[in-house]
Each structure stands twice: as structure tokens, then as C-alpha cells.
Full PDB file with SEQRES, HELIX, SHEET, SSBOND, CRYST1, ORIGX, SCALE, CONECT and MASTER records, all heavy atoms in Angstrom:
SEQRES   1 A   30  ALA GLY GLU SER SER GLU LEU TRP HIS HIS GLU ALA GLY          
SEQRES   2 A   30  CYS SER SER TRP LEU VAL VAL LEU ARG ASP THR ARG THR          
SEQRES   3 A   30  HIS GLU VAL ILE                                              
SHEET    1 AA1 2 GLU A   3  HIS A   9  0                                        
SHEET    2 AA1 2 TRP A  17  ASP A  23 -1                                        
CRYST1    1.000    1.000    1.000  90.00  90.00  90.00 P 1           1          
ORIGX1      1.000000  0.000000  0.000000        0.00000                         
ORIGX2      0.000000  1.000000  0.000000        0.00000                         
ORIGX3      0.000000  0.000000  1.000000        0.00000                         
SCALE1      1.000000  0.000000  0.000000        0.00000                         
SCALE2      0.000000  1.000000  0.000000        0.00000                         
SCALE3      0.000000  0.000000  1.000000        0.00000                         
ATOM      1  N   ALA A   1      11.900   5.102   7.136  1.00  0.00           N  
ATOM      2  CA  ALA A   1      10.921   5.906   7.862  1.00  0.00           C  
ATOM      3  C   ALA A   1      10.505   6.975   6.871  1.00  0.00           C  
ATOM      4  O   ALA A   1      11.229   7.934   6.642  1.00  0.00           O  
ATOM      5  CB  ALA A   1      11.518   6.513   9.114  1.00  0.00           C  
ATOM      6  N   GLY A   2       9.385   6.764   6.236  1.00  0.00           N  
ATOM      7  CA  GLY A   2       8.938   7.688   5.192  1.00  0.00           C  
ATOM      8  C   GLY A   2       8.270   6.907   4.078  1.00  0.00           C  
ATOM      9  O   GLY A   2       7.640   5.881   4.313  1.00  0.00           O  
ATOM     10  N   GLU A   3       8.432   7.384   2.848  1.00  0.00           N  
ATOM     11  CA  GLU A   3       7.768   6.747   1.713  1.00  0.00           C  
ATOM     12  C   GLU A   3       8.329   5.359   1.448  1.00  0.00           C  
ATOM     13  O   GLU A   3       9.530   5.157   1.392  1.00  0.00           O  
ATOM     14  CB  GLU A   3       7.899   7.610   0.461  1.00  0.00           C  
ATOM     15  CG  GLU A   3       7.072   8.869   0.533  1.00  0.00           C  
ATOM     16  CD  GLU A   3       7.088   9.650  -0.764  1.00  0.00           C  
ATOM     17  OE1 GLU A   3       7.650   9.182  -1.772  1.00  0.00           O  
ATOM     18  OE2 GLU A   3       6.515  10.750  -0.768  1.00  0.00           O  
ATOM     19  N   SER A   4       7.405   4.416   1.283  1.00  0.00           N  
ATOM     20  CA  SER A   4       7.766   3.029   1.033  1.00  0.00           C  
ATOM     21  C   SER A   4       6.812   2.460  -0.003  1.00  0.00           C  
ATOM     22  O   SER A   4       5.599   2.654   0.068  1.00  0.00           O  
ATOM     23  CB  SER A   4       7.670   2.226   2.326  1.00  0.00           C  
ATOM     24  OG  SER A   4       7.969   0.884   2.099  1.00  0.00           O  
ATOM     25  N   SER A   5       7.357   1.731  -0.964  1.00  0.00           N  
ATOM     26  CA  SER A   5       6.558   1.094  -2.010  1.00  0.00           C  
ATOM     27  C   SER A   5       6.300  -0.354  -1.587  1.00  0.00           C  
ATOM     28  O   SER A   5       7.233  -1.131  -1.407  1.00  0.00           O  
ATOM     29  CB  SER A   5       7.322   1.157  -3.334  1.00  0.00           C  
ATOM     30  OG  SER A   5       6.520   0.701  -4.381  1.00  0.00           O  
ATOM     31  N   GLU A   6       5.019  -0.704  -1.421  1.00  0.00           N  
ATOM     32  CA  GLU A   6       4.653  -2.021  -0.881  1.00  0.00           C  
ATOM     33  C   GLU A   6       3.705  -2.753  -1.823  1.00  0.00           C  
ATOM     34  O   GLU A   6       2.934  -2.149  -2.551  1.00  0.00           O  
ATOM     35  CB  GLU A   6       3.963  -1.850   0.473  1.00  0.00           C  
ATOM     36  CG  GLU A   6       4.808  -1.133   1.491  1.00  0.00           C  
ATOM     37  CD  GLU A   6       4.033  -0.708   2.714  1.00  0.00           C  
ATOM     38  OE1 GLU A   6       2.819  -0.457   2.628  1.00  0.00           O  
ATOM     39  OE2 GLU A   6       4.663  -0.604   3.775  1.00  0.00           O  
ATOM     40  N   LEU A   7       3.754  -4.059  -1.752  1.00  0.00           N  
ATOM     41  CA  LEU A   7       2.877  -4.915  -2.539  1.00  0.00           C  
ATOM     42  C   LEU A   7       1.692  -5.337  -1.666  1.00  0.00           C  
ATOM     43  O   LEU A   7       1.888  -5.894  -0.585  1.00  0.00           O  
ATOM     44  CB  LEU A   7       3.659  -6.143  -3.012  1.00  0.00           C  
ATOM     45  CG  LEU A   7       3.011  -7.035  -4.046  1.00  0.00           C  
ATOM     46  CD1 LEU A   7       2.710  -6.266  -5.330  1.00  0.00           C  
ATOM     47  CD2 LEU A   7       3.918  -8.216  -4.358  1.00  0.00           C  
ATOM     48  N   TRP A   8       0.482  -5.016  -2.114  1.00  0.00           N  
ATOM     49  CA  TRP A   8      -0.732  -5.334  -1.374  1.00  0.00           C  
ATOM     50  C   TRP A   8      -1.657  -6.186  -2.236  1.00  0.00           C  
ATOM     51  O   TRP A   8      -1.683  -6.049  -3.458  1.00  0.00           O  
ATOM     52  CB  TRP A   8      -1.474  -4.053  -0.988  1.00  0.00           C  
ATOM     53  CG  TRP A   8      -0.822  -3.250   0.088  1.00  0.00           C  
ATOM     54  CD1 TRP A   8       0.377  -2.608   0.025  1.00  0.00           C  
ATOM     55  CD2 TRP A   8      -1.339  -2.977   1.389  1.00  0.00           C  
ATOM     56  NE1 TRP A   8       0.638  -1.959   1.204  1.00  0.00           N  
ATOM     57  CE2 TRP A   8      -0.405  -2.162   2.061  1.00  0.00           C  
ATOM     58  CE3 TRP A   8      -2.517  -3.331   2.049  1.00  0.00           C  
ATOM     59  CZ2 TRP A   8      -0.597  -1.707   3.354  1.00  0.00           C  
ATOM     60  CZ3 TRP A   8      -2.704  -2.867   3.336  1.00  0.00           C  
ATOM     61  CH2 TRP A   8      -1.754  -2.079   3.982  1.00  0.00           C  
ATOM     62  N   HIS A   9      -2.421  -7.059  -1.589  1.00  0.00           N  
ATOM     63  CA  HIS A   9      -3.394  -7.903  -2.282  1.00  0.00           C  
ATOM     64  C   HIS A   9      -4.793  -7.519  -1.809  1.00  0.00           C  
ATOM     65  O   HIS A   9      -5.053  -7.460  -0.610  1.00  0.00           O  
ATOM     66  CB  HIS A   9      -3.113  -9.383  -1.978  1.00  0.00           C  
ATOM     67  CG  HIS A   9      -3.993 -10.314  -2.702  1.00  0.00           C  
ATOM     68  ND1 HIS A   9      -4.709 -11.304  -2.079  1.00  0.00           N  
ATOM     69  CD2 HIS A   9      -4.293 -10.411  -4.022  1.00  0.00           C  
ATOM     70  CE1 HIS A   9      -5.400 -11.970  -2.972  1.00  0.00           C  
ATOM     71  NE2 HIS A   9      -5.172 -11.449  -4.154  1.00  0.00           N  
ATOM     72  N   HIS A  10      -5.698  -7.259  -2.769  1.00  0.00           N  
ATOM     73  CA  HIS A  10      -7.070  -6.888  -2.417  1.00  0.00           C  
ATOM     74  C   HIS A  10      -7.889  -8.171  -2.240  1.00  0.00           C  
ATOM     75  O   HIS A  10      -8.680  -8.557  -3.092  1.00  0.00           O  
ATOM     76  CB  HIS A  10      -7.673  -5.979  -3.499  1.00  0.00           C  
ATOM     77  CG  HIS A  10      -8.923  -5.306  -3.046  1.00  0.00           C  
ATOM     78  ND1 HIS A  10      -9.589  -4.413  -3.826  1.00  0.00           N  
ATOM     79  CD2 HIS A  10      -9.624  -5.364  -1.887  1.00  0.00           C  
ATOM     80  CE1 HIS A  10     -10.662  -3.966  -3.185  1.00  0.00           C  
ATOM     81  NE2 HIS A  10     -10.688  -4.545  -1.998  1.00  0.00           N  
ATOM     82  N   GLU A  11      -7.695  -8.814  -1.113  1.00  0.00           N  
ATOM     83  CA  GLU A  11      -8.292 -10.121  -0.827  1.00  0.00           C  
ATOM     84  C   GLU A  11      -9.810 -10.094  -0.766  1.00  0.00           C  
ATOM     85  O   GLU A  11     -10.480 -10.993  -1.263  1.00  0.00           O  
ATOM     86  CB  GLU A  11      -7.758 -10.669   0.497  1.00  0.00           C  
ATOM     87  CG  GLU A  11      -6.319 -11.081   0.428  1.00  0.00           C  
ATOM     88  CD  GLU A  11      -5.826 -11.634   1.746  1.00  0.00           C  
ATOM     89  OE1 GLU A  11      -6.419 -11.340   2.802  1.00  0.00           O  
ATOM     90  OE2 GLU A  11      -4.828 -12.359   1.727  1.00  0.00           O  
ATOM     91  N   ALA A  12     -10.386  -9.090  -0.115  1.00  0.00           N  
ATOM     92  CA  ALA A  12     -11.837  -9.054   0.092  1.00  0.00           C  
ATOM     93  C   ALA A  12     -12.539  -8.230  -0.993  1.00  0.00           C  
ATOM     94  O   ALA A  12     -13.663  -7.794  -0.812  1.00  0.00           O  
ATOM     95  CB  ALA A  12     -12.154  -8.480   1.467  1.00  0.00           C  
ATOM     96  N   GLY A  13     -11.860  -8.053  -2.109  1.00  0.00           N  
ATOM     97  CA  GLY A  13     -12.433  -7.270  -3.198  1.00  0.00           C  
ATOM     98  C   GLY A  13     -12.193  -7.957  -4.524  1.00  0.00           C  
ATOM     99  O   GLY A  13     -12.559  -9.099  -4.721  1.00  0.00           O  
ATOM    100  N   CYS A  14     -11.491  -7.268  -5.404  1.00  0.00           N  
ATOM    101  CA  CYS A  14     -11.303  -7.727  -6.777  1.00  0.00           C  
ATOM    102  C   CYS A  14     -10.139  -8.704  -6.949  1.00  0.00           C  
ATOM    103  O   CYS A  14      -9.881  -9.170  -8.051  1.00  0.00           O  
ATOM    104  CB  CYS A  14     -11.106  -6.525  -7.686  1.00  0.00           C  
ATOM    105  SG  CYS A  14      -9.641  -5.541  -7.260  1.00  0.00           S  
ATOM    106  N   SER A  15      -9.406  -9.017  -5.897  1.00  0.00           N  
ATOM    107  CA  SER A  15      -8.243  -9.919  -5.910  1.00  0.00           C  
ATOM    108  C   SER A  15      -7.054  -9.376  -6.684  1.00  0.00           C  
ATOM    109  O   SER A  15      -6.168 -10.125  -7.073  1.00  0.00           O  
ATOM    110  CB  SER A  15      -8.612 -11.306  -6.431  1.00  0.00           C  
ATOM    111  OG  SER A  15      -9.488 -11.938  -5.542  1.00  0.00           O  
ATOM    112  N   SER A  16      -7.025  -8.083  -6.933  1.00  0.00           N  
ATOM    113  CA  SER A  16      -5.901  -7.483  -7.652  1.00  0.00           C  
ATOM    114  C   SER A  16      -4.683  -7.361  -6.748  1.00  0.00           C  
ATOM    115  O   SER A  16      -4.797  -7.227  -5.535  1.00  0.00           O  
ATOM    116  CB  SER A  16      -6.271  -6.076  -8.134  1.00  0.00           C  
ATOM    117  OG  SER A  16      -7.255  -6.137  -9.116  1.00  0.00           O  
ATOM    118  N   TRP A  17      -3.515  -7.388  -7.386  1.00  0.00           N  
ATOM    119  CA  TRP A  17      -2.261  -7.081  -6.714  1.00  0.00           C  
ATOM    120  C   TRP A  17      -1.961  -5.622  -6.993  1.00  0.00           C  
ATOM    121  O   TRP A  17      -2.040  -5.166  -8.138  1.00  0.00           O  
ATOM    122  CB  TRP A  17      -1.141  -7.975  -7.229  1.00  0.00           C  
ATOM    123  CG  TRP A  17      -1.263  -9.356  -6.710  1.00  0.00           C  
ATOM    124  CD1 TRP A  17      -1.873 -10.414  -7.313  1.00  0.00           C  
ATOM    125  CD2 TRP A  17      -0.798  -9.832  -5.455  1.00  0.00           C  
ATOM    126  NE1 TRP A  17      -1.805 -11.521  -6.508  1.00  0.00           N  
ATOM    127  CE2 TRP A  17      -1.149 -11.200  -5.362  1.00  0.00           C  
ATOM    128  CE3 TRP A  17      -0.116  -9.245  -4.389  1.00  0.00           C  
ATOM    129  CZ2 TRP A  17      -0.835 -11.974  -4.254  1.00  0.00           C  
ATOM    130  CZ3 TRP A  17       0.204 -10.028  -3.289  1.00  0.00           C  
ATOM    131  CH2 TRP A  17      -0.149 -11.375  -3.232  1.00  0.00           C  
ATOM    132  N   LEU A  18      -1.631  -4.883  -5.949  1.00  0.00           N  
ATOM    133  CA  LEU A  18      -1.437  -3.441  -6.043  1.00  0.00           C  
ATOM    134  C   LEU A  18      -0.070  -3.043  -5.499  1.00  0.00           C  
ATOM    135  O   LEU A  18       0.450  -3.690  -4.591  1.00  0.00           O  
ATOM    136  CB  LEU A  18      -2.510  -2.711  -5.235  1.00  0.00           C  
ATOM    137  CG  LEU A  18      -3.954  -3.097  -5.497  1.00  0.00           C  
ATOM    138  CD1 LEU A  18      -4.856  -2.487  -4.440  1.00  0.00           C  
ATOM    139  CD2 LEU A  18      -4.370  -2.662  -6.877  1.00  0.00           C  
ATOM    140  N   VAL A  19       0.474  -1.980  -6.058  1.00  0.00           N  
ATOM    141  CA  VAL A  19       1.664  -1.351  -5.488  1.00  0.00           C  
ATOM    142  C   VAL A  19       1.179  -0.075  -4.820  1.00  0.00           C  
ATOM    143  O   VAL A  19       0.623   0.806  -5.471  1.00  0.00           O  
ATOM    144  CB  VAL A  19       2.730  -1.054  -6.556  1.00  0.00           C  
ATOM    145  CG1 VAL A  19       3.884  -0.278  -5.942  1.00  0.00           C  
ATOM    146  CG2 VAL A  19       3.235  -2.349  -7.173  1.00  0.00           C  
ATOM    147  N   VAL A  20       1.352  -0.027  -3.504  1.00  0.00           N  
ATOM    148  CA  VAL A  20       0.893   1.111  -2.709  1.00  0.00           C  
ATOM    149  C   VAL A  20       2.117   1.879  -2.218  1.00  0.00           C  
ATOM    150  O   VAL A  20       2.990   1.308  -1.579  1.00  0.00           O  
ATOM    151  CB  VAL A  20       0.036   0.634  -1.508  1.00  0.00           C  
ATOM    152  CG1 VAL A  20      -0.353   1.798  -0.618  1.00  0.00           C  
ATOM    153  CG2 VAL A  20      -1.198  -0.117  -1.997  1.00  0.00           C  
ATOM    154  N   LEU A  21       2.156   3.152  -2.563  1.00  0.00           N  
ATOM    155  CA  LEU A  21       3.194   4.034  -2.044  1.00  0.00           C  
ATOM    156  C   LEU A  21       2.627   4.674  -0.792  1.00  0.00           C  
ATOM    157  O   LEU A  21       1.598   5.349  -0.837  1.00  0.00           O  
ATOM    158  CB  LEU A  21       3.568   5.106  -3.076  1.00  0.00           C  
ATOM    159  CG  LEU A  21       4.669   6.076  -2.662  1.00  0.00           C  
ATOM    160  CD1 LEU A  21       5.987   5.344  -2.415  1.00  0.00           C  
ATOM    161  CD2 LEU A  21       4.846   7.139  -3.734  1.00  0.00           C  
ATOM    162  N   ARG A  22       3.275   4.386   0.362  1.00  0.00           N  
ATOM    163  CA  ARG A  22       2.726   4.770   1.656  1.00  0.00           C  
ATOM    164  C   ARG A  22       3.809   5.375   2.521  1.00  0.00           C  
ATOM    165  O   ARG A  22       4.962   4.960   2.481  1.00  0.00           O  
ATOM    166  CB  ARG A  22       2.159   3.509   2.313  1.00  0.00           C  
ATOM    167  CG  ARG A  22       1.520   3.699   3.650  1.00  0.00           C  
ATOM    168  CD  ARG A  22       0.933   2.382   4.131  1.00  0.00           C  
ATOM    169  NE  ARG A  22       1.944   1.418   4.522  1.00  0.00           N  
ATOM    170  CZ  ARG A  22       2.471   1.326   5.742  1.00  0.00           C  
ATOM    171  NH1 ARG A  22       2.088   2.132   6.700  1.00  0.00           N  
ATOM    172  NH2 ARG A  22       3.374   0.404   6.007  1.00  0.00           N  
ATOM    173  N   ASP A  23       3.429   6.366   3.314  1.00  0.00           N  
ATOM    174  CA  ASP A  23       4.343   6.953   4.291  1.00  0.00           C  
ATOM    175  C   ASP A  23       4.262   6.104   5.555  1.00  0.00           C  
ATOM    176  O   ASP A  23       3.202   6.034   6.194  1.00  0.00           O  
ATOM    177  CB  ASP A  23       3.966   8.407   4.589  1.00  0.00           C  
ATOM    178  CG  ASP A  23       5.011   9.115   5.424  1.00  0.00           C  
ATOM    179  OD1 ASP A  23       5.537   8.508   6.381  1.00  0.00           O  
ATOM    180  OD2 ASP A  23       5.292  10.286   5.134  1.00  0.00           O  
ATOM    181  N   THR A  24       5.349   5.453   5.914  1.00  0.00           N  
ATOM    182  CA  THR A  24       5.332   4.540   7.064  1.00  0.00           C  
ATOM    183  C   THR A  24       5.215   5.267   8.394  1.00  0.00           C  
ATOM    184  O   THR A  24       4.875   4.653   9.405  1.00  0.00           O  
ATOM    185  CB  THR A  24       6.600   3.665   7.089  1.00  0.00           C  
ATOM    186  OG1 THR A  24       7.752   4.506   7.164  1.00  0.00           O  
ATOM    187  CG2 THR A  24       6.674   2.776   5.868  1.00  0.00           C  
ATOM    188  N   ARG A  25       5.470   6.585   8.398  1.00  0.00           N  
ATOM    189  CA  ARG A  25       5.349   7.348   9.648  1.00  0.00           C  
ATOM    190  C   ARG A  25       3.898   7.717   9.944  1.00  0.00           C  
ATOM    191  O   ARG A  25       3.484   7.737  11.091  1.00  0.00           O  
ATOM    192  CB  ARG A  25       6.202   8.612   9.580  1.00  0.00           C  
ATOM    193  CG  ARG A  25       7.690   8.327   9.497  1.00  0.00           C  
ATOM    194  CD  ARG A  25       8.437   9.569   9.149  1.00  0.00           C  
ATOM    195  NE  ARG A  25       7.991   9.981   7.802  1.00  0.00           N  
ATOM    196  CZ  ARG A  25       8.608  10.860   7.056  1.00  0.00           C  
ATOM    197  NH1 ARG A  25       9.669  11.465   7.497  1.00  0.00           N  
ATOM    198  NH2 ARG A  25       8.162  11.161   5.860  1.00  0.00           N  
ATOM    199  N   THR A  26       3.140   8.028   8.895  1.00  0.00           N  
ATOM    200  CA  THR A  26       1.773   8.531   9.083  1.00  0.00           C  
ATOM    201  C   THR A  26       0.703   7.583   8.550  1.00  0.00           C  
ATOM    202  O   THR A  26      -0.474   7.793   8.781  1.00  0.00           O  
ATOM    203  CB  THR A  26       1.598   9.873   8.355  1.00  0.00           C  
ATOM    204  OG1 THR A  26       1.771   9.657   6.942  1.00  0.00           O  
ATOM    205  CG2 THR A  26       2.589  10.904   8.855  1.00  0.00           C  
ATOM    206  N   HIS A  27       1.107   6.568   7.808  1.00  0.00           N  
ATOM    207  CA  HIS A  27       0.214   5.629   7.120  1.00  0.00           C  
ATOM    208  C   HIS A  27      -0.588   6.290   5.997  1.00  0.00           C  
ATOM    209  O   HIS A  27      -1.549   5.720   5.503  1.00  0.00           O  
ATOM    210  CB  HIS A  27      -0.729   4.910   8.090  1.00  0.00           C  
ATOM    211  CG  HIS A  27       0.000   4.078   9.095  1.00  0.00           C  
ATOM    212  ND1 HIS A  27       0.747   2.986   8.748  1.00  0.00           N  
ATOM    213  CD2 HIS A  27       0.133   4.221  10.428  1.00  0.00           C  
ATOM    214  CE1 HIS A  27       1.296   2.471   9.833  1.00  0.00           C  
ATOM    215  NE2 HIS A  27       0.949   3.207  10.861  1.00  0.00           N  
ATOM    216  N   GLU A  28      -0.187   7.484   5.592  1.00  0.00           N  
ATOM    217  CA  GLU A  28      -0.849   8.153   4.478  1.00  0.00           C  
ATOM    218  C   GLU A  28      -0.549   7.387   3.188  1.00  0.00           C  
ATOM    219  O   GLU A  28       0.600   7.081   2.883  1.00  0.00           O  
ATOM    220  CB  GLU A  28      -0.339   9.587   4.334  1.00  0.00           C  
ATOM    221  CG  GLU A  28      -0.873  10.285   3.094  1.00  0.00           C  
ATOM    222  CD  GLU A  28      -0.157  11.584   2.790  1.00  0.00           C  
ATOM    223  OE1 GLU A  28       0.833  11.920   3.464  1.00  0.00           O  
ATOM    224  OE2 GLU A  28      -0.604  12.262   1.854  1.00  0.00           O  
ATOM    225  N   VAL A  29      -1.605   7.050   2.434  1.00  0.00           N  
ATOM    226  CA  VAL A  29      -1.437   6.411   1.139  1.00  0.00           C  
ATOM    227  C   VAL A  29      -1.260   7.513   0.104  1.00  0.00           C  
ATOM    228  O   VAL A  29      -2.141   8.356  -0.086  1.00  0.00           O  
ATOM    229  CB  VAL A  29      -2.636   5.508   0.792  1.00  0.00           C  
ATOM    230  CG1 VAL A  29      -2.505   4.948  -0.617  1.00  0.00           C  
ATOM    231  CG2 VAL A  29      -2.749   4.379   1.807  1.00  0.00           C  
ATOM    232  N   ILE A  30      -0.123   7.520  -0.547  1.00  0.00           N  
ATOM    233  CA  ILE A  30       0.221   8.563  -1.504  1.00  0.00           C  
ATOM    234  C   ILE A  30      -0.226   8.190  -2.908  1.00  0.00           C  
ATOM    235  O   ILE A  30      -0.721   9.021  -3.664  1.00  0.00           O  
ATOM    236  CB  ILE A  30       1.745   8.826  -1.464  1.00  0.00           C  
ATOM    237  CG1 ILE A  30       2.130   9.268  -0.047  1.00  0.00           C  
ATOM    238  CG2 ILE A  30       2.175   9.830  -2.516  1.00  0.00           C  
ATOM    239  CD1 ILE A  30       3.577   9.105   0.291  1.00  0.00           C  
TER     240      ILE A  30                                                      
MASTER        0    0    0    0    2    0    0    6  239    1    0    3          
END                                                                             
């Protein structure tokens, strides 16, 4: 519950794989 490092795929864009650091409580992308 808090900061989490997640793997995201930009499917509808450039098709890049991204590491997104996100707060799971607020959904704020850090």
C-alpha cells in the first residue's frame, strides 16, 4: 500500500515498455 514499481506497455502509442513508479493508494504516478 504505497509506492510500487510496475511494468506497463504503451499499447496504443509507441509500443514501449515502461517502468512506472506509482502510489497504489492514490494512483499518483511518481
